[in-house]
């Protein structure tokens, strides 16, 4: 309570100082406003004179039956005439600059006044709340309160010493929580990067799996393929070796068999020849023996006396028997050698050789196909690496351009949600609201000031062009949607007039000389209606044509020249009422 009592005294003194500051700012604003009104009147007077001077310059070049460059008429009954005292463009520019400078000074004083008013009302409310909170203690002596405060502080110090370590632990806990929060954020960023890279990996893996499915399972990798090729080649070599060995053995056996057959045939032929010779000789012998008168061999043998001839015959017989035995031995030997050799089907071996060669050719083709696919996939991999590099470069460029684009489009990190276009429009709207505030302040008897706000009604809506009003009665700002019907009409009228002033200030010699106001006067109370009409009359005095479309009876008494529309059975009739 001591601190509250001291704060009450400090805030009360601050409120007195701010009130004095508010009075000074109010006087400064009124002075700046008077200077602005005078500078504006001077400018409009010079503007009107300059416009009339321009009309006279154009009129000096008009000729009868020649079209006017402004209205197009070929007749000129009442051309403008040059008058003295026409201001130059430099004088007009100096007057406009003086008006703009005075307006800036007035707005600056207005902002300072609004700030002081806000501080004053805020302090007033704050002091009031402190007094309510303190109650009877607001008039209590500060020394006695400070003594009570000292005793309480001693007790608090004892408790604070006891809880010191708890504070340290809490600080460390907060630090660890912050570190955890940072780590979670880093983890979230890493997870996002992982998901992005994993998506790219899954796409590449899918393409790889698709290519892999077209390859037989047992040769999907180069090692298995080479191993299969090596095994096939080894098997082919073994088959070729076995075939060659079988062929060699077959040739040797065939040679031995042919030799044995030849020896056997030779021996058999010799035997047959010998038998045939024997038969012939025997037949000749028998015939000769019979011719010689021998009926039996015994008779012949008994009658034979040539020992030399007998020896020759015996020798021939002995030679024949030796040749027969030799031929039989050779035949038996060849048959014995051929009996241990298995019969080889050379056609089957040739078919197996062709099948092995075909399998070898197929695997060589598959090897070439896989090599081409590997080369193609390597090309794809190189392309992907190139795309990754290009994508990384694009990401770096987008990091700058994308951020600029997001800011210009009202996205993050643009926390106000204001696009570049709305930013430019907001700058123009500031000038319009500044001009409109001068009208609204007059028509609302100094209560309302229009200003632009950066706050958004909805987080997903664009910002920067919303309006709010500063209520000098409460010292707070509020949305324009909280204005009543009559107040909204005054604000709309002020904005229209402010827009007209700003357009004229930016358009050089162009002047908006006519304004129409449609309805809305019926929502005003009599005093507000007076201020609105006074504003429109001031516009009329400034050289503008003001038209009002309304059913309010009070306006008939104040507007002399009017166009009255009266409904009837045959339609509406219109007539001008001019005094």
Protein backbone atom coordinates (compact mmCIF):
# COMPACT_ATOMS: atom_id res chain seq x y z
CA UNK A 1 0.00 0.00 0.00
CA UNK A 2 2.93 2.34 0.61
CA UNK A 3 4.05 1.96 -3.00
CA UNK A 4 0.48 2.54 -4.16
CA UNK A 5 0.24 5.67 -1.99
CA UNK A 6 3.56 6.98 -3.37
CA UNK A 7 2.47 6.06 -6.89
CA UNK A 8 -0.81 7.96 -6.35
CA UNK A 9 1.09 11.09 -5.34
CA UNK A 10 3.49 10.72 -8.32
CA UNK A 11 0.68 10.11 -10.80
CA UNK A 12 -1.31 13.03 -9.42
CA UNK A 13 1.66 15.34 -9.97
CA UNK A 14 2.20 13.83 -13.42
CA UNK A 15 -1.50 14.41 -14.22
CA UNK A 16 -1.15 18.11 -13.32
CA UNK A 17 1.92 18.43 -15.54
CA UNK A 18 0.22 16.61 -18.44
CA UNK A 19 -2.87 18.81 -18.04
CA UNK A 20 -0.69 21.91 -18.39
CA UNK A 21 1.03 20.33 -21.40
CA UNK A 22 -2.40 19.60 -22.92
CA UNK A 23 -3.43 23.24 -22.53
CA UNK A 24 -0.22 24.36 -24.27
CA UNK A 25 -0.74 21.84 -27.08
CA UNK A 26 -4.37 22.91 -27.45
CA UNK A 27 -3.34 26.56 -27.86
CA UNK A 28 -0.60 25.57 -30.32
CA UNK A 29 -3.09 23.52 -32.33
CA UNK A 30 -5.61 26.36 -32.50
CA UNK A 31 -2.88 28.74 -33.69
CA UNK A 32 -1.75 26.21 -36.33
CA UNK A 33 -5.35 25.68 -37.41
CA UNK A 34 -5.91 29.43 -37.88
CA UNK A 35 -2.72 29.66 -39.93
CA UNK A 36 -3.83 26.73 -42.06
CA UNK A 37 -7.29 28.21 -42.67
CA UNK A 38 -5.73 31.52 -43.71
CA UNK A 39 -3.19 29.78 -45.99
CA UNK A 40 -5.95 27.66 -47.52
CA UNK A 41 -8.19 30.68 -48.15
CA UNK A 42 -5.27 32.52 -49.75
CA UNK A 43 -4.48 29.53 -51.95
CA UNK A 44 -8.08 29.02 -53.11
CA UNK A 45 -8.39 32.72 -53.87
CA UNK A 46 -5.19 32.62 -55.94
CA UNK A 47 -6.33 29.35 -57.53
CA UNK A 48 -9.63 30.88 -58.61
CA UNK A 49 -7.87 33.97 -59.99
CA UNK A 50 -5.35 31.79 -61.81
CA UNK A 51 -8.14 29.65 -63.29
CA UNK A 52 -9.97 32.76 -64.49
CA UNK A 53 -6.71 33.99 -65.97
CA UNK A 54 -6.30 30.71 -67.87
CA UNK A 55 -9.84 31.05 -69.18
CA UNK A 56 -9.02 34.57 -70.40
CA UNK A 57 -5.87 33.28 -72.12
CA UNK A 58 -7.94 30.67 -73.97
CA UNK A 59 -10.66 33.22 -74.79
CA UNK A 60 -8.14 35.61 -76.35
CA UNK A 61 -7.50 33.07 -79.11
CA UNK A 62 -11.17 32.34 -79.86
CA UNK A 63 -12.59 33.24 -83.28
CA UNK A 64 -16.16 33.23 -84.50
CA UNK A 65 -17.21 29.96 -86.23
CA UNK A 66 -14.10 28.27 -84.84
CA UNK A 67 -14.74 25.58 -82.18
CA UNK A 68 -13.78 26.29 -78.59
CA UNK A 69 -11.07 23.83 -77.39
CA UNK A 70 -12.96 23.49 -74.09
CA UNK A 71 -16.68 23.25 -74.90
CA UNK A 72 -16.55 22.86 -78.70
CA UNK A 73 -19.00 25.69 -79.41
CA UNK A 74 -18.41 27.76 -82.61
CA UNK A 75 -20.15 30.83 -81.12
CA UNK A 76 -18.58 32.81 -78.29
CA UNK A 77 -21.13 35.34 -76.98
CA UNK A 78 -19.51 35.98 -73.58
CA UNK A 79 -15.77 35.17 -73.56
CA UNK A 80 -13.70 35.71 -70.43
CA UNK A 81 -11.62 38.90 -70.30
CA UNK A 82 -8.15 39.37 -68.91
CA UNK A 83 -8.11 41.08 -65.50
CA UNK A 84 -5.33 42.69 -63.57
CA UNK A 85 -3.67 40.94 -60.69
CA UNK A 86 -3.61 37.43 -62.22
CA UNK A 87 -1.13 35.38 -60.15
CA UNK A 88 1.74 33.51 -61.80
CA UNK A 89 2.30 29.78 -61.51
CA UNK A 90 5.24 30.36 -59.16
CA UNK A 91 3.05 32.47 -56.86
CA UNK A 92 0.37 29.78 -56.97
CA UNK A 93 2.97 27.09 -56.16
CA UNK A 94 4.38 29.14 -53.27
CA UNK A 95 0.85 29.58 -51.90
CA UNK A 96 0.15 25.87 -52.23
CA UNK A 97 3.46 25.01 -50.53
CA UNK A 98 2.61 27.42 -47.73
CA UNK A 99 -0.81 25.78 -47.37
CA UNK A 100 0.75 22.29 -47.33
CA UNK A 101 3.36 23.37 -44.78
CA UNK A 102 0.70 24.90 -42.54
CA UNK A 103 -1.39 21.76 -42.92
CA UNK A 104 1.55 19.59 -41.91
CA UNK A 105 2.19 21.85 -38.93
CA UNK A 106 -1.49 21.68 -37.99
CA UNK A 107 -1.55 17.89 -38.28
CA UNK A 108 1.62 17.63 -36.24
CA UNK A 109 0.06 19.86 -33.58
CA UNK A 110 -3.12 17.77 -33.80
CA UNK A 111 -1.22 14.53 -33.27
CA UNK A 112 0.64 16.06 -30.34
CA UNK A 113 -2.65 17.31 -28.90
CA UNK A 114 -4.29 13.90 -29.32
CA UNK A 115 -1.31 12.26 -27.62
CA UNK A 116 -1.51 14.70 -24.73
CA UNK A 117 -5.28 14.20 -24.47
CA UNK A 118 -4.83 10.45 -24.42
CA UNK A 119 -2.17 10.68 -21.72
CA UNK A 120 -4.33 13.09 -19.73
CA UNK A 121 -7.43 10.89 -19.87
CA UNK A 122 -5.40 7.76 -19.17
CA UNK A 123 -3.71 9.34 -16.14
CA UNK A 124 -7.02 10.70 -14.92
CA UNK A 125 -8.58 7.25 -15.08
CA UNK A 126 -5.48 5.66 -13.52
CA UNK A 127 -5.46 8.15 -10.60
CA UNK A 128 -9.16 7.54 -10.10
CA UNK A 129 -8.59 3.77 -9.95
CA UNK A 130 -5.71 4.21 -7.48
CA UNK A 131 -7.87 6.37 -5.23
CA UNK A 132 -10.64 3.78 -5.37
CA UNK A 133 -8.17 0.99 -4.60
CA UNK A 134 -6.57 2.87 -1.67
CA UNK A 135 -9.87 4.03 -0.20
CA UNK A 136 -9.28 5.79 3.12
CA UNK A 137 -5.52 5.21 2.82
CA UNK A 138 -5.25 7.78 0.05
CA UNK A 139 -4.99 10.51 2.74
CA UNK A 140 -2.75 8.42 5.07
CA UNK A 141 0.68 9.79 6.10
CA UNK A 142 3.41 8.33 3.93
CA UNK A 143 5.92 8.04 6.83
CA UNK A 144 3.71 5.71 8.85
CA UNK A 145 3.03 3.70 5.75
CA UNK A 146 6.75 3.51 5.02
CA UNK A 147 7.42 2.23 8.57
CA UNK A 148 4.86 -0.50 8.07
CA UNK A 149 6.40 -1.17 4.70
CA UNK A 150 9.87 -1.51 6.27
CA UNK A 151 8.66 -4.11 8.77
CA UNK A 152 6.87 -6.03 6.07
CA UNK A 153 9.94 -5.87 3.84
CA UNK A 154 12.11 -7.36 6.61
CA UNK A 155 9.73 -10.30 6.85
CA UNK A 156 9.67 -10.57 3.10
CA UNK A 157 13.49 -10.56 2.99
CA UNK A 158 13.61 -13.55 5.32
CA UNK A 159 11.15 -15.38 3.11
CA UNK A 160 13.04 -14.25 0.01
CA UNK A 161 16.34 -15.63 1.35
CA UNK A 162 14.65 -18.96 1.97
CA UNK A 163 13.25 -19.05 -1.54
CA UNK A 164 16.43 -17.78 -3.25
CA UNK A 165 17.50 -21.20 -4.34
CA UNK A 166 14.02 -21.89 -5.62
CA UNK A 167 14.33 -18.80 -7.81
CA UNK A 168 17.65 -20.04 -9.17
CA UNK A 169 16.11 -23.41 -9.91
CA UNK A 170 13.17 -21.76 -11.62
CA UNK A 171 15.55 -19.64 -13.71
CA UNK A 172 17.49 -22.72 -14.75
CA UNK A 173 14.21 -24.49 -15.47
CA UNK A 174 13.08 -21.59 -17.67
CA UNK A 175 16.43 -21.66 -19.46
CA UNK A 176 16.14 -25.40 -20.05
CA UNK A 177 12.56 -24.96 -21.27
CA UNK A 178 13.74 -22.34 -23.73
CA UNK A 179 16.55 -24.66 -24.89
CA UNK A 180 13.98 -27.44 -25.26
CA UNK A 181 11.75 -25.12 -27.26
CA UNK A 182 14.69 -24.17 -29.53
CA UNK A 183 15.61 -27.84 -29.97
CA UNK A 184 12.00 -28.69 -30.79
CA UNK A 185 11.98 -25.94 -33.41
CA UNK A 186 15.25 -27.24 -34.88
CA UNK A 187 13.82 -30.76 -34.82
CA UNK A 188 10.71 -29.56 -36.61
CA UNK A 189 12.86 -27.88 -39.29
CA UNK A 190 14.94 -31.05 -39.67
CA UNK A 191 11.78 -33.17 -39.94
CA UNK A 192 10.49 -30.90 -42.69
CA UNK A 193 13.80 -31.22 -44.57
CA UNK A 194 13.75 -34.99 -43.98
CA UNK A 195 10.19 -35.32 -45.33
CA UNK A 196 11.14 -33.31 -48.42
CA UNK A 197 14.30 -35.34 -49.09
CA UNK A 198 12.51 -38.60 -48.25
CA UNK A 199 9.83 -37.79 -50.81
CA UNK A 200 12.53 -37.26 -53.46
CA UNK A 201 14.24 -40.49 -52.33
CA UNK A 202 10.96 -42.47 -52.52
CA UNK A 203 10.39 -41.23 -56.07
CA UNK A 204 13.91 -42.26 -57.13
CA UNK A 205 13.54 -45.57 -55.24
CA UNK A 206 10.24 -46.27 -57.03
CA UNK A 207 11.89 -45.68 -60.40
CA UNK A 208 14.80 -47.93 -59.34
CA UNK A 209 12.41 -50.70 -58.16
CA UNK A 210 10.51 -50.50 -61.44
CA UNK A 211 13.76 -50.97 -63.38
CA UNK A 212 14.88 -53.71 -60.99
CA UNK A 213 11.66 -55.75 -61.48
CA UNK A 214 12.50 -56.14 -65.18
CA UNK A 215 15.76 -57.98 -64.25
CA UNK A 216 15.75 -61.69 -63.15
CA UNK A 217 16.07 -61.96 -59.38
CA UNK A 218 19.21 -64.10 -59.44
CA UNK A 219 21.21 -61.53 -61.45
CA UNK A 220 19.92 -58.18 -60.16
CA UNK A 221 23.33 -57.16 -58.97
CA UNK A 222 26.60 -57.09 -60.91
CA UNK A 223 28.35 -59.55 -58.57
CA UNK A 224 25.64 -62.20 -59.08
CA UNK A 225 25.68 -61.59 -62.82
CA UNK A 226 29.46 -61.96 -63.02
CA UNK A 227 29.30 -65.03 -60.79
CA UNK A 228 26.64 -66.65 -63.03
CA UNK A 229 28.62 -65.75 -66.13
CA UNK A 230 31.80 -67.22 -64.63
CA UNK A 231 29.99 -70.44 -63.61
CA UNK A 232 28.44 -70.80 -67.08
CA UNK A 233 31.81 -70.24 -68.73
CA UNK A 234 33.43 -72.80 -66.39
CA UNK A 235 30.70 -75.31 -67.16
CA UNK A 236 31.11 -74.65 -70.87
CA UNK A 237 34.88 -75.16 -70.59
CA UNK A 238 34.32 -78.46 -68.75
CA UNK A 239 31.86 -79.61 -71.40
CA UNK A 240 34.29 -78.63 -74.16
CA UNK A 241 37.13 -80.45 -72.37
CA UNK A 242 35.00 -83.59 -71.86
CA UNK A 243 33.88 -83.39 -75.46
CA UNK A 244 37.45 -83.10 -76.72
CA UNK A 245 38.58 -85.97 -74.47
CA UNK A 246 35.68 -88.11 -75.65
CA UNK A 247 36.43 -87.21 -79.25
CA UNK A 248 40.14 -88.10 -78.79
CA UNK A 249 39.29 -91.34 -77.03
CA UNK A 250 36.67 -92.11 -79.66
CA UNK A 251 39.17 -91.42 -82.44
CA UNK A 252 41.81 -93.65 -80.77
CA UNK A 253 39.29 -96.43 -80.25
CA UNK A 254 37.97 -96.05 -83.79
CA UNK A 255 41.53 -96.24 -85.12
CA UNK A 256 42.32 -99.34 -83.04
CA UNK A 257 38.98 -100.93 -83.96
CA UNK A 258 39.52 -100.17 -87.64
CA UNK A 259 43.04 -101.59 -87.41
CA UNK A 260 41.72 -104.70 -85.63
CA UNK A 261 38.92 -105.08 -88.17
CA UNK A 262 41.44 -104.67 -90.96
CA UNK A 263 43.73 -107.32 -89.42
CA UNK A 264 40.75 -109.59 -88.82
CA UNK A 265 39.43 -109.06 -92.32
CA UNK A 266 42.91 -109.64 -93.74
CA UNK A 267 43.30 -112.81 -91.69
CA UNK A 268 39.78 -113.97 -92.53
CA UNK A 269 40.39 -113.24 -96.22
CA UNK A 270 43.67 -115.07 -96.06
CA UNK A 271 41.88 -117.94 -94.29
CA UNK A 272 39.07 -117.94 -96.82
CA UNK A 273 41.56 -117.71 -99.65
CA UNK A 274 43.54 -120.54 -98.13
CA UNK A 275 40.38 -122.63 -97.65
CA UNK A 276 39.26 -121.81 -101.15
CA UNK A 277 42.71 -122.68 -102.48
CA UNK A 278 42.62 -125.77 -100.33
CA UNK A 279 39.22 -126.71 -101.67
CA UNK A 280 40.31 -126.03 -105.23
CA UNK A 281 43.57 -127.81 -104.75
CA UNK A 282 41.80 -130.63 -103.02
CA UNK A 283 39.26 -130.84 -105.80
CA UNK A 284 42.01 -130.69 -108.37
CA UNK A 285 43.91 -133.25 -106.33
CA UNK A 286 40.95 -135.58 -106.14
CA UNK A 287 40.20 -135.13 -109.79
CA UNK A 288 43.83 -135.60 -110.64
CA UNK A 289 43.98 -138.55 -108.32
CA UNK A 290 40.92 -140.08 -109.92
CA UNK A 291 42.24 -139.24 -113.32
CA UNK A 292 45.40 -140.95 -112.32
CA UNK A 293 43.42 -144.06 -111.41
CA UNK A 294 43.44 -143.69 -107.66
CA UNK A 295 40.12 -144.23 -105.99
CA UNK A 296 41.24 -143.34 -102.48
CA UNK A 297 43.83 -141.06 -101.02
CA UNK A 298 45.47 -144.02 -99.37
CA UNK A 299 46.01 -145.54 -102.75
CA UNK A 300 47.52 -142.24 -103.83
CA UNK A 301 49.61 -141.85 -100.66
CA UNK A 302 50.84 -145.26 -100.98
CA UNK A 303 51.69 -144.56 -104.57
CA UNK A 304 53.44 -141.21 -103.76
CA UNK A 305 57.14 -141.28 -103.74
CA UNK A 306 58.21 -137.49 -104.14
CA UNK A 307 59.45 -136.46 -100.71
CA UNK A 308 60.41 -132.89 -101.74
CA UNK A 309 56.91 -132.10 -102.86
CA UNK A 310 55.55 -133.38 -99.61
CA UNK A 311 57.85 -131.07 -97.65
CA UNK A 312 56.73 -128.08 -99.68
CA UNK A 313 53.08 -128.80 -98.95
CA UNK A 314 53.71 -129.24 -95.29
CA UNK A 315 55.57 -125.94 -95.16
CA UNK A 316 52.69 -124.12 -96.87
CA UNK A 317 50.22 -125.56 -94.44
CA UNK A 318 52.37 -124.56 -91.51
CA UNK A 319 52.66 -120.96 -92.81
CA UNK A 320 48.89 -120.76 -93.25
CA UNK A 321 48.27 -121.91 -89.71
CA UNK A 322 50.70 -119.28 -88.36
CA UNK A 323 49.00 -116.49 -90.33
CA UNK A 324 45.59 -117.62 -89.06
CA UNK A 325 46.72 -117.62 -85.44
CA UNK A 326 48.29 -114.13 -85.83
CA UNK A 327 45.08 -112.71 -87.33
CA UNK A 328 42.98 -114.26 -84.56
CA UNK A 329 45.27 -112.84 -81.88
CA UNK A 330 45.10 -109.34 -83.39
CA UNK A 331 41.31 -109.53 -83.59
CA UNK A 332 40.96 -110.71 -80.00
CA UNK A 333 43.35 -108.00 -78.78
CA UNK A 334 41.41 -105.22 -80.59
CA UNK A 335 38.09 -106.57 -79.29
CA UNK A 336 39.52 -106.68 -75.76
CA UNK A 337 40.76 -103.05 -75.99
CA UNK A 338 37.39 -101.83 -77.32
CA UNK A 339 35.38 -103.70 -74.67
CA UNK A 340 36.34 -101.23 -71.83
CA UNK A 341 35.26 -98.10 -73.70
CA UNK A 342 31.64 -96.76 -73.22
CA UNK A 343 29.75 -95.80 -76.30
CA UNK A 344 29.60 -92.04 -76.65
CA UNK A 345 26.55 -90.30 -78.26
CA UNK A 346 28.25 -87.47 -80.15
CA UNK A 347 24.91 -86.02 -81.31
CA UNK A 348 23.83 -85.57 -77.69
CA UNK A 349 27.15 -83.94 -76.83
CA UNK A 350 26.82 -81.60 -79.82
CA UNK A 351 23.28 -80.65 -78.69
CA UNK A 352 24.54 -79.96 -75.14
CA UNK A 353 27.37 -77.87 -76.60
CA UNK A 354 24.90 -75.84 -78.68
CA UNK A 355 22.62 -75.36 -75.63
CA UNK A 356 25.59 -74.19 -73.53
CA UNK A 357 26.70 -71.81 -76.28
CA UNK A 358 23.10 -70.46 -76.58
CA UNK A 359 22.91 -69.97 -72.80
CA UNK A 360 26.29 -68.21 -72.91
CA UNK A 361 25.06 -65.91 -75.72
CA UNK A 362 21.84 -65.12 -73.80
CA UNK A 363 23.80 -64.19 -70.67
CA UNK A 364 26.20 -62.09 -72.70
CA UNK A 365 23.19 -60.26 -74.20
CA UNK A 366 21.72 -59.83 -70.71
CA UNK A 367 25.08 -58.55 -69.51
CA UNK A 368 25.14 -55.99 -72.33
CA UNK A 369 21.52 -55.00 -71.59
CA UNK A 370 22.28 -54.57 -67.89
CA UNK A 371 25.40 -52.58 -68.71
CA UNK A 372 23.31 -50.26 -70.91
CA UNK A 373 20.69 -49.90 -68.15
CA UNK A 374 23.40 -49.20 -65.58
CA UNK A 375 24.87 -46.59 -67.92
CA UNK A 376 21.38 -45.09 -68.46
CA UNK A 377 20.64 -45.09 -64.71
CA UNK A 378 24.01 -43.47 -64.09
CA UNK A 379 22.97 -40.78 -66.57
CA UNK A 380 19.69 -40.36 -64.67
CA UNK A 381 21.65 -40.12 -61.43
CA UNK A 382 23.92 -37.46 -62.91
CA UNK A 383 20.83 -35.57 -64.15
CA UNK A 384 19.28 -35.77 -60.68
CA UNK A 385 22.49 -34.46 -59.11
CA UNK A 386 22.47 -31.61 -61.64
CA UNK A 387 18.83 -30.87 -60.85
CA UNK A 388 19.61 -30.94 -57.12
CA UNK A 389 22.40 -28.43 -57.67
CA UNK A 390 20.13 -26.22 -59.81
CA UNK A 391 17.34 -26.55 -57.24
CA UNK A 392 19.70 -25.54 -54.46
CA UNK A 393 20.71 -22.47 -56.48
CA UNK A 394 17.06 -21.64 -57.16
CA UNK A 395 16.26 -22.06 -53.45
CA UNK A 396 18.99 -19.55 -52.59
CA UNK A 397 17.64 -17.05 -55.13
CA UNK A 398 14.08 -17.65 -53.95
CA UNK A 399 15.18 -17.05 -50.38
CA UNK A 400 15.59 -13.37 -51.30
CA UNK A 401 13.03 -12.89 -54.08
CA UNK A 402 10.43 -15.04 -52.35
CA UNK A 403 10.76 -13.04 -49.13
CA UNK A 404 10.37 -9.77 -51.07
CA UNK A 405 7.35 -11.19 -52.87
CA UNK A 406 5.79 -12.39 -49.60
CA UNK A 407 6.33 -8.99 -48.00
CA UNK A 408 4.87 -7.22 -51.06
CA UNK A 409 1.86 -9.58 -50.99
CA UNK A 410 1.18 -9.15 -47.29
CA UNK A 411 2.45 -12.58 -46.21
CA UNK A 412 4.99 -13.51 -43.52
CA UNK A 413 7.25 -11.88 -42.35
CA UNK A 414 4.86 -8.96 -43.06
CA UNK A 415 3.05 -9.08 -39.71
CA UNK A 416 0.56 -6.36 -40.71
CA UNK A 417 -0.75 -8.26 -43.76
CA UNK A 418 -0.38 -5.15 -45.94
CA UNK A 419 0.33 -5.63 -49.65
CA UNK A 420 2.45 -3.17 -51.60
CA UNK A 421 -0.64 -1.78 -53.35
CA UNK A 422 -2.46 -1.35 -50.03
CA UNK A 423 0.64 0.32 -48.60
CA UNK A 424 0.55 2.96 -51.39
CA UNK A 425 -3.21 3.33 -51.00
CA UNK A 426 -2.72 3.64 -47.24
CA UNK A 427 -0.28 6.51 -47.76
CA UNK A 428 -2.88 8.29 -49.91
CA UNK A 429 -5.60 7.40 -47.40
CA UNK A 430 -3.57 9.10 -44.66
CA UNK A 431 -3.72 12.36 -46.61
CA UNK A 432 -7.44 11.90 -47.28
CA UNK A 433 -8.19 11.19 -43.60
CA UNK A 434 -6.10 14.20 -42.58
CA UNK A 435 -8.18 16.42 -44.88
CA UNK A 436 -11.42 14.67 -43.86
CA UNK A 437 -10.63 15.11 -40.16
CA UNK A 438 -10.69 18.90 -40.56
CA UNK A 439 -14.28 18.66 -41.84
CA UNK A 440 -15.38 15.98 -39.36
CA UNK A 441 -13.89 17.84 -36.41
CA UNK A 442 -15.94 20.90 -37.34
CA UNK A 443 -19.17 18.97 -37.94
CA UNK A 444 -18.74 16.83 -34.76
CA UNK A 445 -17.90 19.90 -32.65
CA UNK A 446 -14.33 18.73 -32.08
CA UNK A 447 -15.23 15.25 -30.84
CA UNK A 448 -14.05 12.90 -33.63
CA UNK A 449 -10.79 12.51 -35.54
CA UNK A 450 -10.43 10.03 -38.40
CA UNK A 451 -7.26 7.97 -38.62
CA UNK A 452 -6.01 4.84 -40.34
CA UNK A 453 -5.21 1.73 -38.32
CA UNK A 454 -2.87 -1.16 -39.07
CA UNK A 455 -4.89 -3.57 -36.93
CA UNK A 456 -6.90 -6.19 -38.80
CA UNK A 457 -10.44 -7.24 -37.93
CA UNK A 458 -9.58 -10.84 -38.88
CA UNK A 459 -6.16 -12.46 -38.95
CA UNK A 460 -6.77 -13.90 -42.43
CA UNK A 461 -7.90 -10.55 -43.90
CA UNK A 462 -5.70 -7.96 -45.60
CA UNK A 463 -4.94 -4.88 -43.52
CA UNK A 464 -3.75 -1.33 -43.91
CA UNK A 465 -6.95 0.36 -45.17
CA UNK A 466 -9.18 0.15 -42.08
CA UNK A 467 -10.36 3.36 -40.43
CA UNK A 468 -11.04 4.20 -36.83
CA UNK A 469 -12.10 7.32 -34.96
CA UNK A 470 -10.43 8.96 -32.01
CA UNK A 471 -13.06 10.08 -29.51
CA UNK A 472 -11.79 13.08 -27.55
CA UNK A 473 -14.59 12.57 -25.03
CA UNK A 474 -13.18 9.21 -23.92
CA UNK A 475 -9.56 9.59 -25.04
CA UNK A 476 -9.68 6.23 -26.85
CA UNK A 477 -9.97 5.06 -30.44
CA UNK A 478 -12.73 2.78 -31.71
CA UNK A 479 -13.83 1.29 -35.06
CA UNK A 480 -15.91 3.44 -37.41
CA UNK A 481 -18.57 0.72 -37.34
CA UNK A 482 -19.46 1.84 -33.79
CA UNK A 483 -20.61 5.26 -35.04
CA UNK A 484 -24.32 5.99 -35.11
CA UNK A 485 -26.21 6.56 -38.36
CA UNK A 486 -25.85 10.34 -38.20
CA UNK A 487 -22.20 10.15 -37.17
CA UNK A 488 -21.50 7.71 -40.04
CA UNK A 489 -23.08 10.18 -42.49
CA UNK A 490 -20.89 13.00 -41.20
CA UNK A 491 -17.81 10.76 -41.49
CA UNK A 492 -18.74 9.75 -45.06
CA UNK A 493 -19.34 13.38 -46.04
CA UNK A 494 -15.99 14.36 -44.52
CA UNK A 495 -14.18 11.61 -46.44
CA UNK A 496 -15.80 12.68 -49.71
CA UNK A 497 -14.75 16.30 -49.16
CA UNK A 498 -11.26 15.22 -48.06
CA UNK A 499 -10.90 13.05 -51.19
CA UNK A 500 -11.90 16.05 -53.30
CA UNK A 501 -9.27 18.24 -51.64
CA UNK A 502 -6.50 15.65 -52.11
CA UNK A 503 -7.41 15.00 -55.75
CA UNK A 504 -7.28 18.72 -56.50
CA UNK A 505 -3.93 19.12 -54.74
CA UNK A 506 -2.40 16.33 -56.87
CA UNK A 507 -4.04 17.28 -60.17
CA UNK A 508 -2.48 20.68 -60.77
CA UNK A 509 -4.93 22.96 -62.56
CA UNK A 510 -7.83 20.48 -62.43
CA UNK A 511 -10.59 21.61 -60.08
CA UNK A 512 -13.57 19.59 -58.80
CA UNK A 513 -16.20 22.31 -58.84
CA UNK A 514 -19.35 20.22 -58.29
CA UNK A 515 -20.43 17.89 -55.50
CA UNK A 516 -23.73 16.05 -54.96
CA UNK A 517 -24.85 14.69 -51.58
CA UNK A 518 -27.61 12.06 -51.69
CA UNK A 519 -29.73 11.63 -48.52
CA UNK A 520 -28.36 11.03 -45.02
CA UNK A 521 -29.41 14.41 -43.59
CA UNK A 522 -32.51 12.89 -41.99
CA UNK A 523 -30.32 10.94 -39.54
CA UNK A 524 -28.75 14.12 -38.07
CA UNK A 525 -29.84 15.98 -35.00
CA UNK A 526 -30.55 19.70 -35.50
CA UNK A 527 -27.13 20.83 -34.26
CA UNK A 528 -25.24 18.33 -36.44
CA UNK A 529 -27.44 19.30 -39.38
CA UNK A 530 -26.44 22.94 -38.86
CA UNK A 531 -22.73 22.05 -38.89
CA UNK A 532 -23.12 19.89 -42.02
CA UNK A 533 -24.98 22.61 -43.91
CA UNK A 534 -22.45 25.21 -42.77
CA UNK A 535 -19.66 23.07 -44.22
CA UNK A 536 -21.47 22.75 -47.55
CA UNK A 537 -22.17 26.50 -47.62
CA UNK A 538 -18.44 27.15 -47.05
CA UNK A 539 -17.75 24.96 -50.08
CA UNK A 540 -20.23 26.99 -52.09
CA UNK A 541 -18.57 30.20 -51.04
CA UNK A 542 -15.27 28.71 -52.21
CA UNK A 543 -16.60 28.57 -55.77
CA UNK A 544 -18.09 25.06 -55.89
CA UNK A 545 -21.55 23.99 -56.95
CA UNK A 546 -23.15 21.92 -54.18
CA UNK A 547 -26.21 19.77 -54.93
CA UNK A 548 -28.25 18.10 -52.19
CA UNK A 549 -30.75 15.31 -52.87
CA UNK A 550 -33.00 14.98 -49.81
CA UNK A 551 -36.54 14.78 -48.42
CA UNK A 552 -35.71 16.72 -45.22
CA UNK A 553 -38.16 19.65 -44.96
CA UNK A 554 -35.69 21.85 -43.04
CA UNK A 555 -33.41 21.97 -46.08
CA UNK A 556 -36.09 23.72 -48.15
CA UNK A 557 -35.92 26.74 -45.85
CA UNK A 558 -32.12 27.00 -46.12
CA UNK A 559 -31.60 26.28 -49.83
CA UNK A 560 -32.95 28.99 -52.08
CA UNK A 561 -32.25 27.52 -55.53
CA UNK A 562 -33.61 24.01 -55.87
CA UNK A 563 -35.12 21.54 -58.33
CA UNK A 564 -38.37 20.15 -56.91
CA UNK A 565 -39.73 16.82 -58.18
CA UNK A 566 -43.48 16.30 -57.50
CA UNK A 567 -45.12 12.91 -58.21
CA UNK A 568 -48.52 12.86 -59.94
CA UNK A 569 -51.06 10.59 -61.62
CA UNK A 570 -49.49 11.19 -65.03
CA UNK A 571 -45.94 10.94 -63.78
CA UNK A 572 -43.54 13.16 -61.89
CA UNK A 573 -43.00 16.81 -62.74
CA UNK A 574 -39.83 18.81 -62.10
CA UNK A 575 -39.48 22.56 -61.72
CA UNK A 576 -36.71 24.94 -60.63
CA UNK A 577 -37.36 27.19 -57.63
CA UNK A 578 -35.13 30.26 -57.81
CA UNK A 579 -35.72 33.31 -55.59
